[in-house]
Amino acid sequence: MHVFDNAGHNFDPLIKACGSPGKALQAVTEQAAKNFSPAVSTLPGTSIPAAYPVMVNGIEVFVKGVQVNGVFKLGTAYIP
């Protein structure tokens, strides 16, 4: 996923905490899916995805994604 190749996403602390980019991606996706709801994941009154915060290994990560047929799909993630 491009978020790990882009220094602007600030994932170094999360990768270190999780042990690898793959484990970090899995942890972010699991927490994003667990916390997904249309009320927090879309701009008010629209279906446009909005970033929402999730905690992963004590690090706040902002995520955007959608749910398709009950399955969460991560769009992007970053650490401010």
Protein backbone atom coordinates (compact mmCIF):
# COMPACT_ATOMS: atom_id res chain seq x y z
CA MET A 1 0.00 0.00 0.00
CA HIS A 2 1.34 3.41 -0.93
CA VAL A 3 0.97 4.80 2.61
CA PHE A 4 4.15 2.94 3.61
CA ASP A 5 6.11 4.34 0.67
CA ASN A 6 5.07 7.94 1.38
CA ALA A 7 6.97 9.59 4.24
CA GLY A 8 4.13 12.11 4.54
CA HIS A 9 1.92 9.43 6.05
CA ASN A 10 4.31 9.20 9.05
CA PHE A 11 4.06 5.43 9.49
CA ASP A 12 7.58 4.76 10.80
CA PRO A 13 6.52 4.68 14.50
CA LEU A 14 3.62 2.35 13.72
CA ILE A 15 5.75 0.00 11.62
CA LYS A 16 8.27 -0.14 14.45
CA ALA A 17 5.53 -0.80 17.02
CA CYS A 18 3.92 -3.54 14.89
CA GLY A 19 7.13 -5.14 13.64
CA SER A 20 6.59 -4.85 9.88
CA PRO A 21 4.60 -2.93 7.27
CA GLY A 22 2.36 -5.95 6.73
CA LYS A 23 1.51 -6.27 10.41
CA ALA A 24 0.93 -2.52 10.64
CA LEU A 25 -1.46 -2.64 7.67
CA GLN A 26 -3.32 -5.57 9.19
CA ALA A 27 -3.66 -3.80 12.55
CA VAL A 28 -4.84 -0.54 10.96
CA THR A 29 -7.37 -2.34 8.76
CA GLU A 30 -8.74 -4.37 11.68
CA GLN A 31 -9.18 -1.30 13.90
CA ALA A 32 -10.67 0.75 11.05
CA ALA A 33 -13.20 -2.00 10.29
CA LYS A 34 -14.05 -2.41 13.98
CA ASN A 35 -14.71 1.33 14.36
CA PHE A 36 -16.43 1.84 11.00
CA SER A 37 -19.90 3.35 10.97
CA PRO A 38 -21.55 5.65 8.46
CA ALA A 39 -21.95 8.27 11.21
CA VAL A 40 -18.19 8.64 11.78
CA SER A 41 -16.80 7.61 8.41
CA THR A 42 -18.64 9.97 6.04
CA LEU A 43 -19.00 13.72 5.74
CA PRO A 44 -22.27 14.81 7.40
CA GLY A 45 -25.29 14.40 5.11
CA THR A 46 -23.28 12.69 2.36
CA SER A 47 -21.80 9.34 1.43
CA ILE A 48 -18.37 10.92 0.86
CA PRO A 49 -15.72 9.11 2.94
CA ALA A 50 -14.21 11.14 5.76
CA ALA A 51 -11.12 10.40 7.83
CA TYR A 52 -11.75 9.14 11.35
CA PRO A 53 -9.27 8.26 14.11
CA VAL A 54 -8.48 4.78 15.38
CA MET A 55 -5.92 3.68 17.98
CA VAL A 56 -3.35 1.10 16.91
CA ASN A 57 -0.73 0.02 19.47
CA GLY A 58 -1.29 3.31 21.32
CA ILE A 59 -0.81 5.40 18.16
CA GLU A 60 -3.65 7.49 16.72
CA VAL A 61 -4.08 6.76 13.02
CA PHE A 62 -6.58 8.53 10.77
CA VAL A 63 -8.26 6.28 8.21
CA LYS A 64 -10.68 6.52 5.31
CA GLY A 65 -12.52 3.61 3.82
CA VAL A 66 -15.82 2.14 2.75
CA GLN A 67 -17.82 -0.95 3.49
CA VAL A 68 -18.73 -3.06 0.46
CA ASN A 69 -21.10 -5.99 0.95
CA GLY A 70 -20.23 -6.01 4.66
CA VAL A 71 -16.46 -6.00 4.08
CA PHE A 72 -14.39 -2.96 5.08
CA LYS A 73 -12.04 -1.64 2.36
CA LEU A 74 -9.26 0.68 3.54
CA GLY A 75 -8.78 3.68 1.26
CA THR A 76 -5.98 5.54 3.00
CA ALA A 77 -4.41 6.06 6.39
CA TYR A 78 -1.99 8.51 7.96
CA ILE A 79 -0.57 9.69 11.26
CA PRO A 80 -0.80 13.48 11.59
